[in-house]
């Protein structure tokens, strides 16, 4: 099974820019700038042992937020129709008021607020 993670910048402007830094125990995808309406995405196959975890550091001006964007076992909470696909996607939409998650780029649910540094 292949997972596709999308980090979508839905901020109202690029001033200041949104940066994302995705890491796991074994991988560092480096810090990247995601422009307004942009999508930074990556794909992977989870480990056989079911312990795959990717987290991300989001920065936007004086705000920062760190949280897991994928953790093995979390996918079971998404809608059934999303679990039935062979390639599974998770979308994280970043806005001024927080972070929203979806499995189908529709029906987003707010998961986190921003925090000032």
PDB file of N, CA and C in Angstrom:
ATOM      1  N   UNK A   1       0.843  -1.181   0.000  1.00  0.00           N
ATOM      2  CA  UNK A   1       0.000   0.000   0.000  1.00  0.00           C
ATOM      3  C   UNK A   1       0.888   1.245   0.000  1.00  0.00           C
ATOM      4  N   UNK A   2       0.551   2.182  -0.837  1.00  0.00           N
ATOM      5  CA  UNK A   2       1.295   3.434  -0.936  1.00  0.00           C
ATOM      6  C   UNK A   2       0.437   4.557  -0.363  1.00  0.00           C
ATOM      7  N   UNK A   3       1.038   5.393   0.465  1.00  0.00           N
ATOM      8  CA  UNK A   3       0.368   6.562   1.021  1.00  0.00           C
ATOM      9  C   UNK A   3       0.907   7.817   0.347  1.00  0.00           C
ATOM     10  N   UNK A   4       0.021   8.752   0.073  1.00  0.00           N
ATOM     11  CA  UNK A   4       0.372  10.051  -0.501  1.00  0.00           C
ATOM     12  C   UNK A   4      -0.058  11.116   0.504  1.00  0.00           C
ATOM     13  N   UNK A   5       0.891  11.927   0.947  1.00  0.00           N
ATOM     14  CA  UNK A   5       0.601  12.999   1.897  1.00  0.00           C
ATOM     15  C   UNK A   5       0.725  14.321   1.159  1.00  0.00           C
ATOM     16  N   UNK A   6      -0.298  15.162   1.248  1.00  0.00           N
ATOM     17  CA  UNK A   6      -0.317  16.471   0.588  1.00  0.00           C
ATOM     18  C   UNK A   6      -0.394  17.555   1.658  1.00  0.00           C
ATOM     19  N   UNK A   7       0.514  18.508   1.595  1.00  0.00           N
ATOM     20  CA  UNK A   7       0.507  19.671   2.483  1.00  0.00           C
ATOM     21  C   UNK A   7       0.136  20.873   1.618  1.00  0.00           C
ATOM     22  N   UNK A   8      -1.067  21.382   1.780  1.00  0.00           N
ATOM     23  CA  UNK A   8      -1.632  22.415   0.911  1.00  0.00           C
ATOM     24  C   UNK A   8      -1.580  23.772   1.589  1.00  0.00           C
ATOM     25  N   UNK A   9      -0.980  24.736   0.928  1.00  0.00           N
ATOM     26  CA  UNK A   9      -0.954  26.101   1.445  1.00  0.00           C
ATOM     27  C   UNK A   9      -2.196  26.834   0.950  1.00  0.00           C
ATOM     28  N   UNK A  10      -3.107  27.110   1.869  1.00  0.00           N
ATOM     29  CA  UNK A  10      -4.323  27.859   1.536  1.00  0.00           C
ATOM     30  C   UNK A  10      -4.377  29.164   2.333  1.00  0.00           C
ATOM     31  N   UNK A  11      -3.173  29.709   2.612  1.00  0.00           N
ATOM     32  CA  UNK A  11      -3.081  31.013   3.262  1.00  0.00           C
ATOM     33  C   UNK A  11      -3.506  32.067   2.238  1.00  0.00           C
ATOM     34  N   UNK A  12      -3.822  33.268   2.708  1.00  0.00           N
ATOM     35  CA  UNK A  12      -4.298  34.303   1.796  1.00  0.00           C
ATOM     36  C   UNK A  12      -3.182  35.016   1.043  1.00  0.00           C
ATOM     37  N   UNK A  13      -1.923  34.882   1.514  1.00  0.00           N
ATOM     38  CA  UNK A  13      -0.818  35.505   0.783  1.00  0.00           C
ATOM     39  C   UNK A  13       0.486  34.774   1.087  1.00  0.00           C
ATOM     40  N   UNK A  14       1.525  35.118   0.330  1.00  0.00           N
ATOM     41  CA  UNK A  14       2.859  34.548   0.537  1.00  0.00           C
ATOM     42  C   UNK A  14       3.723  35.419   1.436  1.00  0.00           C
ATOM     43  N   UNK A  15       3.138  36.426   2.058  1.00  0.00           N
ATOM     44  CA  UNK A  15       3.914  37.325   2.910  1.00  0.00           C
ATOM     45  C   UNK A  15       3.391  37.242   4.336  1.00  0.00           C
ATOM     46  N   UNK A  16       4.048  36.514   5.207  1.00  0.00           N
ATOM     47  CA  UNK A  16       5.313  35.797   5.028  1.00  0.00           C
ATOM     48  C   UNK A  16       5.077  34.422   4.380  1.00  0.00           C
ATOM     49  N   UNK A  17       6.146  33.808   3.868  1.00  0.00           N
ATOM     50  CA  UNK A  17       5.987  32.501   3.225  1.00  0.00           C
ATOM     51  C   UNK A  17       5.704  31.399   4.251  1.00  0.00           C
ATOM     52  N   UNK A  18       5.051  30.356   3.804  1.00  0.00           N
ATOM     53  CA  UNK A  18       4.822  29.173   4.618  1.00  0.00           C
ATOM     54  C   UNK A  18       5.970  28.200   4.361  1.00  0.00           C
ATOM     55  N   UNK A  19       6.620  27.737   5.436  1.00  0.00           N
ATOM     56  CA  UNK A  19       7.650  26.720   5.275  1.00  0.00           C
ATOM     57  C   UNK A  19       7.201  25.457   5.995  1.00  0.00           C
ATOM     58  N   UNK A  20       7.582  24.325   5.422  1.00  0.00           N
ATOM     59  CA  UNK A  20       7.280  23.025   6.009  1.00  0.00           C
ATOM     60  C   UNK A  20       8.568  22.211   6.036  1.00  0.00           C
ATOM     61  N   UNK A  21       8.747  21.455   7.103  1.00  0.00           N
ATOM     62  CA  UNK A  21       9.915  20.587   7.245  1.00  0.00           C
ATOM     63  C   UNK A  21       9.409  19.234   7.732  1.00  0.00           C
ATOM     64  N   UNK A  22       9.422  18.243   6.836  1.00  0.00           N
ATOM     65  CA  UNK A  22       8.894  16.918   7.127  1.00  0.00           C
ATOM     66  C   UNK A  22      10.039  15.985   7.501  1.00  0.00           C
ATOM     67  N   UNK A  23       9.827  15.222   8.591  1.00  0.00           N
ATOM     68  CA  UNK A  23      10.836  14.276   9.052  1.00  0.00           C
ATOM     69  C   UNK A  23      10.178  13.002   9.556  1.00  0.00           C
ATOM     70  N   UNK A  24      10.979  11.948   9.544  1.00  0.00           N
ATOM     71  CA  UNK A  24      10.631  10.704  10.226  1.00  0.00           C
ATOM     72  C   UNK A  24      11.903  10.211  10.901  1.00  0.00           C
ATOM     73  N   UNK A  25      11.838   9.051  11.508  1.00  0.00           N
ATOM     74  CA  UNK A  25      13.033   8.503  12.141  1.00  0.00           C
ATOM     75  C   UNK A  25      14.149   8.275  11.123  1.00  0.00           C
ATOM     76  N   UNK A  26      13.766   7.874   9.918  1.00  0.00           N
ATOM     77  CA  UNK A  26      14.749   7.514   8.890  1.00  0.00           C
ATOM     78  C   UNK A  26      14.877   8.506   7.748  1.00  0.00           C
ATOM     79  N   UNK A  27      13.967   9.437   7.622  1.00  0.00           N
ATOM     80  CA  UNK A  27      13.950  10.351   6.474  1.00  0.00           C
ATOM     81  C   UNK A  27      13.848  11.798   6.920  1.00  0.00           C
ATOM     82  N   UNK A  28      14.570  12.664   6.222  1.00  0.00           N
ATOM     83  CA  UNK A  28      14.475  14.110   6.413  1.00  0.00           C
ATOM     84  C   UNK A  28      14.218  14.705   5.041  1.00  0.00           C
ATOM     85  N   UNK A  29      13.019  15.208   4.816  1.00  0.00           N
ATOM     86  CA  UNK A  29      12.650  15.749   3.502  1.00  0.00           C
ATOM     87  C   UNK A  29      13.027  17.224   3.352  1.00  0.00           C
ATOM     88  N   UNK A  30      13.749  17.759   4.316  1.00  0.00           N
ATOM     89  CA  UNK A  30      14.291  19.126   4.292  1.00  0.00           C
ATOM     90  C   UNK A  30      13.188  20.176   4.364  1.00  0.00           C
ATOM     91  N   UNK A  31      13.579  21.375   4.794  1.00  0.00           N
ATOM     92  CA  UNK A  31      12.634  22.491   4.858  1.00  0.00           C
ATOM     93  C   UNK A  31      12.353  22.992   3.457  1.00  0.00           C
ATOM     94  N   UNK A  32      11.105  23.261   3.191  1.00  0.00           N
ATOM     95  CA  UNK A  32      10.670  23.747   1.873  1.00  0.00           C
ATOM     96  C   UNK A  32       9.675  24.882   2.046  1.00  0.00           C
ATOM     97  N   UNK A  33       9.699  25.785   1.102  1.00  0.00           N
ATOM     98  CA  UNK A  33       8.704  26.851   1.048  1.00  0.00           C
ATOM     99  C   UNK A  33       7.570  26.386   0.149  1.00  0.00           C
ATOM    100  N   UNK A  34       6.348  26.488   0.666  1.00  0.00           N
ATOM    101  CA  UNK A  34       5.167  26.127  -0.116  1.00  0.00           C
ATOM    102  C   UNK A  34       4.410  27.418  -0.398  1.00  0.00           C
ATOM    103  N   UNK A  35       4.378  27.804  -1.631  1.00  0.00           N
ATOM    104  CA  UNK A  35       3.727  29.062  -2.038  1.00  0.00           C
ATOM    105  C   UNK A  35       2.209  28.969  -1.912  1.00  0.00           C
ATOM    106  N   UNK A  36       1.564  30.115  -1.886  1.00  0.00           N
ATOM    107  CA  UNK A  36       0.104  30.210  -1.816  1.00  0.00           C
ATOM    108  C   UNK A  36      -0.512  29.325  -2.903  1.00  0.00           C
ATOM    109  N   UNK A  37      -1.500  28.554  -2.522  1.00  0.00           N
ATOM    110  CA  UNK A  37      -2.197  27.594  -3.389  1.00  0.00           C
ATOM    111  C   UNK A  37      -1.300  26.448  -3.844  1.00  0.00           C
ATOM    112  N   UNK A  38      -0.113  26.310  -3.234  1.00  0.00           N
ATOM    113  CA  UNK A  38       0.802  25.238  -3.587  1.00  0.00           C
ATOM    114  C   UNK A  38       0.522  23.961  -2.819  1.00  0.00           C
ATOM    115  N   UNK A  39       1.187  22.895  -3.247  1.00  0.00           N
ATOM    116  CA  UNK A  39       1.026  21.566  -2.667  1.00  0.00           C
ATOM    117  C   UNK A  39       2.398  20.911  -2.598  1.00  0.00           C
ATOM    118  N   UNK A  40       2.900  20.689  -1.394  1.00  0.00           N
ATOM    119  CA  UNK A  40       4.089  19.858  -1.238  1.00  0.00           C
ATOM    120  C   UNK A  40       3.588  18.463  -0.896  1.00  0.00           C
ATOM    121  N   UNK A  41       3.983  17.481  -1.688  1.00  0.00           N
ATOM    122  CA  UNK A  41       3.503  16.129  -1.426  1.00  0.00           C
ATOM    123  C   UNK A  41       4.649  15.120  -1.489  1.00  0.00           C
ATOM    124  N   UNK A  42       4.452  14.038  -0.775  1.00  0.00           N
ATOM    125  CA  UNK A  42       5.409  12.948  -0.793  1.00  0.00           C
ATOM    126  C   UNK A  42       4.637  11.645  -0.643  1.00  0.00           C
ATOM    127  N   UNK A  43       5.285  10.553  -1.021  1.00  0.00           N
ATOM    128  CA  UNK A  43       4.642   9.255  -0.924  1.00  0.00           C
ATOM    129  C   UNK A  43       5.609   8.262  -0.292  1.00  0.00           C
ATOM    130  N   UNK A  44       5.050   7.200   0.273  1.00  0.00           N
ATOM    131  CA  UNK A  44       5.868   6.190   0.941  1.00  0.00           C
ATOM    132  C   UNK A  44       5.035   4.934   1.165  1.00  0.00           C
ATOM    133  N   UNK A  45       5.727   3.865   1.462  1.00  0.00           N
ATOM    134  CA  UNK A  45       5.092   2.628   1.910  1.00  0.00           C
ATOM    135  C   UNK A  45       5.388   2.494   3.396  1.00  0.00           C
ATOM    136  N   UNK A  46       4.369   2.260   4.212  1.00  0.00           N
ATOM    137  CA  UNK A  46       4.600   2.109   5.650  1.00  0.00           C
ATOM    138  C   UNK A  46       5.458   0.879   5.939  1.00  0.00           C
ATOM    139  N   UNK A  47       6.116   0.904   7.074  1.00  0.00           N
ATOM    140  CA  UNK A  47       6.958  -0.223   7.470  1.00  0.00           C
ATOM    141  C   UNK A  47       6.106  -1.456   7.763  1.00  0.00           C
ATOM    142  N   UNK A  48       6.708  -2.588   7.613  1.00  0.00           N
ATOM    143  CA  UNK A  48       6.064  -3.862   7.897  1.00  0.00           C
ATOM    144  C   UNK A  48       5.600  -3.936   9.351  1.00  0.00           C
ATOM    145  N   UNK A  49       6.329  -3.302  10.252  1.00  0.00           N
ATOM    146  CA  UNK A  49       6.054  -3.373  11.687  1.00  0.00           C
ATOM    147  C   UNK A  49       4.945  -2.423  12.137  1.00  0.00           C
ATOM    148  N   UNK A  50       4.442  -1.584  11.243  1.00  0.00           N
ATOM    149  CA  UNK A  50       3.336  -0.693  11.598  1.00  0.00           C
ATOM    150  C   UNK A  50       3.719   0.442  12.523  1.00  0.00           C
ATOM    151  N   UNK A  51       4.955   0.924  12.403  1.00  0.00           N
ATOM    152  CA  UNK A  51       5.403   2.013  13.275  1.00  0.00           C
ATOM    153  C   UNK A  51       5.854   3.253  12.502  1.00  0.00           C
ATOM    154  N   UNK A  52       5.359   3.428  11.290  1.00  0.00           N
ATOM    155  CA  UNK A  52       5.731   4.580  10.472  1.00  0.00           C
ATOM    156  C   UNK A  52       5.137   5.856  11.053  1.00  0.00           C
ATOM    157  N   UNK A  53       5.960   6.889  11.139  1.00  0.00           N
ATOM    158  CA  UNK A  53       5.518   8.179  11.650  1.00  0.00           C
ATOM    159  C   UNK A  53       6.269   9.282  10.913  1.00  0.00           C
ATOM    160  N   UNK A  54       5.539  10.214  10.349  1.00  0.00           N
ATOM    161  CA  UNK A  54       6.106  11.424   9.765  1.00  0.00           C
ATOM    162  C   UNK A  54       5.526  12.610  10.531  1.00  0.00           C
ATOM    163  N   UNK A  55       6.385  13.538  10.915  1.00  0.00           N
ATOM    164  CA  UNK A  55       5.901  14.759  11.550  1.00  0.00           C
ATOM    165  C   UNK A  55       6.389  15.954  10.738  1.00  0.00           C
ATOM    166  N   UNK A  56       5.778  17.085  10.978  1.00  0.00           N
ATOM    167  CA  UNK A  56       6.107  18.277  10.199  1.00  0.00           C
ATOM    168  C   UNK A  56       6.189  19.494  11.114  1.00  0.00           C
ATOM    169  N   UNK A  57       7.148  20.351  10.809  1.00  0.00           N
ATOM    170  CA  UNK A  57       7.283  21.648  11.465  1.00  0.00           C
ATOM    171  C   UNK A  57       6.780  22.687  10.461  1.00  0.00           C
ATOM    172  N   UNK A  58       5.706  23.364  10.803  1.00  0.00           N
ATOM    173  CA  UNK A  58       5.127  24.400   9.966  1.00  0.00           C
ATOM    174  C   UNK A  58       5.515  25.754  10.543  1.00  0.00           C
ATOM    175  N   UNK A  59       5.940  26.696   9.688  1.00  0.00           N
ATOM    176  CA  UNK A  59       6.264  28.052  10.133  1.00  0.00           C
ATOM    177  C   UNK A  59       5.617  29.058   9.182  1.00  0.00           C
ATOM    178  N   UNK A  60       5.050  30.099   9.802  1.00  0.00           N
ATOM    179  CA  UNK A  60       4.438  31.183   9.021  1.00  0.00           C
ATOM    180  C   UNK A  60       4.577  32.457   9.846  1.00  0.00           C
ATOM    181  N   UNK A  61       5.566  33.284   9.502  1.00  0.00           N
ATOM    182  CA  UNK A  61       5.820  34.498  10.276  1.00  0.00           C
ATOM    183  C   UNK A  61       6.198  34.157  11.697  1.00  0.00           C
ATOM    184  N   UNK A  62       5.454  34.704  12.672  1.00  0.00           N
ATOM    185  CA  UNK A  62       5.759  34.444  14.083  1.00  0.00           C
ATOM    186  C   UNK A  62       5.003  33.236  14.636  1.00  0.00           C
ATOM    187  N   UNK A  63       4.381  32.456  13.764  1.00  0.00           N
ATOM    188  CA  UNK A  63       3.632  31.282  14.193  1.00  0.00           C
ATOM    189  C   UNK A  63       4.377  30.005  13.800  1.00  0.00           C
ATOM    190  N   UNK A  64       4.256  28.996  14.650  1.00  0.00           N
ATOM    191  CA  UNK A  64       4.845  27.695  14.362  1.00  0.00           C
ATOM    192  C   UNK A  64       3.940  26.609  14.920  1.00  0.00           C
ATOM    193  N   UNK A  65       4.000  25.446  14.304  1.00  0.00           N
ATOM    194  CA  UNK A  65       3.222  24.300  14.784  1.00  0.00           C
ATOM    195  C   UNK A  65       3.955  23.030  14.363  1.00  0.00           C
ATOM    196  N   UNK A  66       4.031  22.081  15.289  1.00  0.00           N
ATOM    197  CA  UNK A  66       4.650  20.785  15.019  1.00  0.00           C
ATOM    198  C   UNK A  66       3.627  19.707  15.368  1.00  0.00           C
ATOM    199  N   UNK A  67       3.395  18.792  14.428  1.00  0.00           N
ATOM    200  CA  UNK A  67       2.507  17.672  14.717  1.00  0.00           C
ATOM    201  C   UNK A  67       2.760  16.549  13.711  1.00  0.00           C
ATOM    202  N   UNK A  68       2.226  15.373  14.029  1.00  0.00           N
ATOM    203  CA  UNK A  68       2.355  14.217  13.151  1.00  0.00           C
ATOM    204  C   UNK A  68       1.409  14.383  11.966  1.00  0.00           C
ATOM    205  N   UNK A  69       1.950  14.280  10.751  1.00  0.00           N
ATOM    206  CA  UNK A  69       1.103  14.321   9.564  1.00  0.00           C
ATOM    207  C   UNK A  69       0.720  12.915   9.121  1.00  0.00           C
ATOM    208  N   UNK A  70       1.453  11.916   9.622  1.00  0.00           N
ATOM    209  CA  UNK A  70       1.073  10.519   9.403  1.00  0.00           C
ATOM    210  C   UNK A  70       1.613   9.675  10.544  1.00  0.00           C
ATOM    211  N   UNK A  71       0.745   8.859  11.107  1.00  0.00           N
ATOM    212  CA  UNK A  71       1.158   7.893  12.127  1.00  0.00           C
ATOM    213  C   UNK A  71       0.400   6.613  11.841  1.00  0.00           C
ATOM    214  N   UNK A  72       1.109   5.494  11.739  1.00  0.00           N
ATOM    215  CA  UNK A  72       0.452   4.211  11.468  1.00  0.00           C
ATOM    216  C   UNK A  72      -0.704   4.019  12.437  1.00  0.00           C
ATOM    217  N   UNK A  73      -1.825   3.572  11.903  1.00  0.00           N
ATOM    218  CA  UNK A  73      -3.010   3.339  12.718  1.00  0.00           C
ATOM    219  C   UNK A  73      -3.999   4.485  12.676  1.00  0.00           C
ATOM    220  N   UNK A  74      -3.546   5.704  12.395  1.00  0.00           N
ATOM    221  CA  UNK A  74      -4.459   6.848  12.347  1.00  0.00           C
ATOM    222  C   UNK A  74      -5.422   6.772  11.174  1.00  0.00           C
ATOM    223  N   UNK A  75      -5.029   6.094  10.115  1.00  0.00           N
ATOM    224  CA  UNK A  75      -5.843   6.077   8.904  1.00  0.00           C
ATOM    225  C   UNK A  75      -7.176   5.362   9.119  1.00  0.00           C
ATOM    226  N   UNK A  76      -7.257   4.487  10.108  1.00  0.00           N
ATOM    227  CA  UNK A  76      -8.501   3.738  10.333  1.00  0.00           C
ATOM    228  C   UNK A  76      -9.659   4.643  10.740  1.00  0.00           C
ATOM    229  N   UNK A  77      -9.374   5.893  11.117  1.00  0.00           N
ATOM    230  CA  UNK A  77     -10.424   6.815  11.550  1.00  0.00           C
ATOM    231  C   UNK A  77     -11.044   7.600  10.397  1.00  0.00           C
ATOM    232  N   UNK A  78     -10.490   7.481   9.192  1.00  0.00           N
ATOM    233  CA  UNK A  78     -11.030   8.231   8.065  1.00  0.00           C
ATOM    234  C   UNK A  78     -12.207   7.480   7.457  1.00  0.00           C
ATOM    235  N   UNK A  79     -12.894   8.138   6.554  1.00  0.00           N
ATOM    236  CA  UNK A  79     -14.093   7.571   5.955  1.00  0.00           C
ATOM    237  C   UNK A  79     -13.805   6.235   5.253  1.00  0.00           C
ATOM    238  N   UNK A  80     -14.766   5.343   5.278  1.00  0.00           N
ATOM    239  CA  UNK A  80     -14.627   4.019   4.687  1.00  0.00           C
ATOM    240  C   UNK A  80     -14.235   4.098   3.215  1.00  0.00           C
ATOM    241  N   UNK A  81     -14.878   4.994   2.445  1.00  0.00           N
ATOM    242  CA  UNK A  81     -14.560   5.055   1.018  1.00  0.00           C
ATOM    243  C   UNK A  81     -13.100   5.429   0.779  1.00  0.00           C
ATOM    244  N   UNK A  82     -12.469   6.143   1.692  1.00  0.00           N
ATOM    245  CA  UNK A  82     -11.055   6.478   1.545  1.00  0.00           C
ATOM    246  C   UNK A  82     -10.165   5.278   1.877  1.00  0.00           C
ATOM    247  N   UNK A  83     -10.592   4.451   2.788  1.00  0.00           N
ATOM    248  CA  UNK A  83      -9.798   3.271   3.158  1.00  0.00           C
ATOM    249  C   UNK A  83      -9.832   2.197   2.085  1.00  0.00           C
ATOM    250  N   UNK A  84     -10.799   2.233   1.195  1.00  0.00           N
ATOM    251  CA  UNK A  84     -10.937   1.193   0.177  1.00  0.00           C
ATOM    252  C   UNK A  84      -9.982   1.369  -1.003  1.00  0.00           C
ATOM    253  N   UNK A  85      -9.381   2.535  -1.164  1.00  0.00           N
ATOM    254  CA  UNK A  85      -8.470   2.777  -2.282  1.00  0.00           C
ATOM    255  C   UNK A  85      -7.122   2.115  -2.033  1.00  0.00           C
ATOM    256  N   UNK A  86      -6.522   1.584  -3.079  1.00  0.00           N
ATOM    257  CA  UNK A  86      -5.204   0.945  -2.957  1.00  0.00           C
ATOM    258  C   UNK A  86      -4.132   1.984  -2.637  1.00  0.00           C
ATOM    259  N   UNK A  87      -4.218   3.160  -3.250  1.00  0.00           N
ATOM    260  CA  UNK A  87      -3.309   4.256  -2.916  1.00  0.00           C
ATOM    261  C   UNK A  87      -4.087   5.203  -2.026  1.00  0.00           C
ATOM    262  N   UNK A  88      -3.598   5.395  -0.822  1.00  0.00           N
ATOM    263  CA  UNK A  88      -4.316   6.221   0.143  1.00  0.00           C
ATOM    264  C   UNK A  88      -3.682   7.599   0.236  1.00  0.00           C
ATOM    265  N   UNK A  89      -4.528   8.591   0.318  1.00  0.00           N
ATOM    266  CA  UNK A  89      -4.069   9.974   0.395  1.00  0.00           C
ATOM    267  C   UNK A  89      -4.541  10.617   1.693  1.00  0.00           C
ATOM    268  N   UNK A  90      -3.705  11.493   2.226  1.00  0.00           N
ATOM    269  CA  UNK A  90      -4.078  12.359   3.331  1.00  0.00           C
ATOM    270  C   UNK A  90      -3.732  13.782   2.917  1.00  0.00           C
ATOM    271  N   UNK A  91      -4.672  14.686   3.109  1.00  0.00           N
ATOM    272  CA  UNK A  91      -4.494  16.086   2.764  1.00  0.00           C
ATOM    273  C   UNK A  91      -4.495  16.915   4.039  1.00  0.00           C
ATOM    274  N   UNK A  92      -3.506  17.787   4.164  1.00  0.00           N
ATOM    275  CA  UNK A  92      -3.452  18.754   5.259  1.00  0.00           C
ATOM    276  C   UNK A  92      -3.534  20.138   4.635  1.00  0.00           C
ATOM    277  N   UNK A  93      -4.625  20.843   4.908  1.00  0.00           N
ATOM    278  CA  UNK A  93      -4.843  22.195   4.390  1.00  0.00           C
ATOM    279  C   UNK A  93      -4.446  23.185   5.479  1.00  0.00           C
ATOM    280  N   UNK A  94      -3.513  24.073   5.138  1.00  0.00           N
ATOM    281  CA  UNK A  94      -3.011  25.063   6.094  1.00  0.00           C
ATOM    282  C   UNK A  94      -3.658  26.413   5.789  1.00  0.00           C
ATOM    283  N   UNK A  95      -4.333  26.980   6.790  1.00  0.00           N
ATOM    284  CA  UNK A  95      -4.981  28.284   6.657  1.00  0.00           C
ATOM    285  C   UNK A  95      -4.573  29.159   7.831  1.00  0.00           C
ATOM    286  N   UNK A  96      -4.957  30.432   7.787  1.00  0.00           N
ATOM    287  CA  UNK A  96      -4.632  31.360   8.868  1.00  0.00           C
ATOM    288  C   UNK A  96      -5.172  30.898  10.218  1.00  0.00           C
ATOM    289  N   UNK A  97      -6.322  30.233  10.202  1.00  0.00           N
ATOM    290  CA  UNK A  97      -6.946  29.841  11.468  1.00  0.00           C
ATOM    291  C   UNK A  97      -6.584  28.419  11.913  1.00  0.00           C
ATOM    292  N   UNK A  98      -5.741  27.712  11.160  1.00  0.00           N
ATOM    293  CA  UNK A  98      -5.335  26.391  11.614  1.00  0.00           C
ATOM    294  C   UNK A  98      -5.105  25.377  10.524  1.00  0.00           C
ATOM    295  N   UNK A  99      -5.178  24.108  10.927  1.00  0.00           N
ATOM    296  CA  UNK A  99      -4.814  22.978  10.086  1.00  0.00           C
ATOM    297  C   UNK A  99      -6.001  22.024   9.980  1.00  0.00           C
ATOM    298  N   UNK A 100      -6.310  21.638   8.761  1.00  0.00           N
ATOM    299  CA  UNK A 100      -7.466  20.811   8.470  1.00  0.00           C
ATOM    300  C   UNK A 100      -7.011  19.537   7.761  1.00  0.00           C
ATOM    301  N   UNK A 101      -7.650  18.405   8.086  1.00  0.00           N
ATOM    302  CA  UNK A 101      -7.277  17.123   7.489  1.00  0.00           C
ATOM    303  C   UNK A 101      -8.446  16.540   6.702  1.00  0.00           C
ATOM    304  N   UNK A 102      -8.098  15.868   5.602  1.00  0.00           N
ATOM    305  CA  UNK A 102      -9.084  15.181   4.770  1.00  0.00           C
ATOM    306  C   UNK A 102      -8.404  13.993   4.100  1.00  0.00           C
ATOM    307  N   UNK A 103      -9.194  13.007   3.725  1.00  0.00           N
ATOM    308  CA  UNK A 103      -8.649  11.876   2.982  1.00  0.00           C
ATOM    309  C   UNK A 103      -8.994  11.958   1.503  1.00  0.00           C
ATOM    310  N   UNK A 104      -9.824  12.923   1.123  1.00  0.00           N
ATOM    311  CA  UNK A 104     -10.277  12.986  -0.268  1.00  0.00           C
ATOM    312  C   UNK A 104     -10.270  14.411  -0.838  1.00  0.00           C
ATOM    313  N   UNK A 105      -9.571  15.330  -0.177  1.00  0.00           N
ATOM    314  CA  UNK A 105      -9.499  16.739  -0.584  1.00  0.00           C
ATOM    315  C   UNK A 105     -10.884  17.394  -0.572  1.00  0.00           C
ATOM    316  N   UNK A 106     -11.780  16.840   0.223  1.00  0.00           N
ATOM    317  CA  UNK A 106     -13.114  17.385   0.471  1.00  0.00           C
ATOM    318  C   UNK A 106     -13.418  17.097   1.934  1.00  0.00           C
ATOM    319  N   UNK A 107     -14.459  17.618   2.461  1.00  0.00           N
ATOM    320  CA  UNK A 107     -14.883  17.276   3.808  1.00  0.00           C
ATOM    321  C   UNK A 107     -13.794  17.418   4.858  1.00  0.00           C
ATOM    322  N   UNK A 108     -13.117  18.544   4.862  1.00  0.00           N
ATOM    323  CA  UNK A 108     -12.020  18.776   5.810  1.00  0.00           C
ATOM    324  C   UNK A 108     -12.532  18.936   7.238  1.00  0.00           C
ATOM    325  N   UNK A 109     -11.719  18.469   8.187  1.00  0.00           N
ATOM    326  CA  UNK A 109     -12.005  18.596   9.609  1.00  0.00           C
ATOM    327  C   UNK A 109     -10.839  19.345  10.249  1.00  0.00           C
ATOM    328  N   UNK A 110     -11.153  20.373  11.037  1.00  0.00           N
ATOM    329  CA  UNK A 110     -10.093  21.123  11.709  1.00  0.00           C
ATOM    330  C   UNK A 110      -9.469  20.263  12.799  1.00  0.00           C
ATOM    331  N   UNK A 111      -8.129  20.196  12.775  1.00  0.00           N
ATOM    332  CA  UNK A 111      -7.404  19.360  13.731  1.00  0.00           C
ATOM    333  C   UNK A 111      -6.599  20.189  14.735  1.00  0.00           C
ATOM    334  N   UNK A 112      -5.997  21.301  14.283  1.00  0.00           N
ATOM    335  CA  UNK A 112      -5.105  22.079  15.141  1.00  0.00           C
ATOM    336  C   UNK A 112      -5.231  23.565  14.849  1.00  0.00           C
ATOM    337  N   UNK A 113      -4.909  24.370  15.864  1.00  0.00           N
ATOM    338  CA  UNK A 113      -4.747  25.814  15.715  1.00  0.00           C
ATOM    339  C   UNK A 113      -3.255  26.121  15.610  1.00  0.00           C
ATOM    340  N   UNK A 114      -2.937  27.302  15.097  1.00  0.00           N
ATOM    341  CA  UNK A 114      -1.569  27.795  15.104  1.00  0.00           C
ATOM    342  C   UNK A 114      -1.178  28.156  16.530  1.00  0.00           C
ATOM    343  N   UNK A 115       0.111  28.254  16.788  1.00  0.00           N
ATOM    344  CA  UNK A 115       0.633  28.728  18.073  1.00  0.00           C
ATOM    345  C   UNK A 115       1.745  29.711  17.779  1.00  0.00           C
ATOM    346  N   UNK A 116       1.744  30.831  18.487  1.00  0.00           N
ATOM    347  CA  UNK A 116       2.819  31.823  18.312  1.00  0.00           C
ATOM    348  C   UNK A 116       4.086  31.309  18.964  1.00  0.00           C
ATOM    349  N   UNK A 117       5.232  31.629  18.331  1.00  0.00           N
ATOM    350  CA  UNK A 117       6.533  31.212  18.873  1.00  0.00           C
ATOM    351  C   UNK A 117       6.845  31.954  20.130  1.00  0.00           C
TER     352      UNK A 117
END
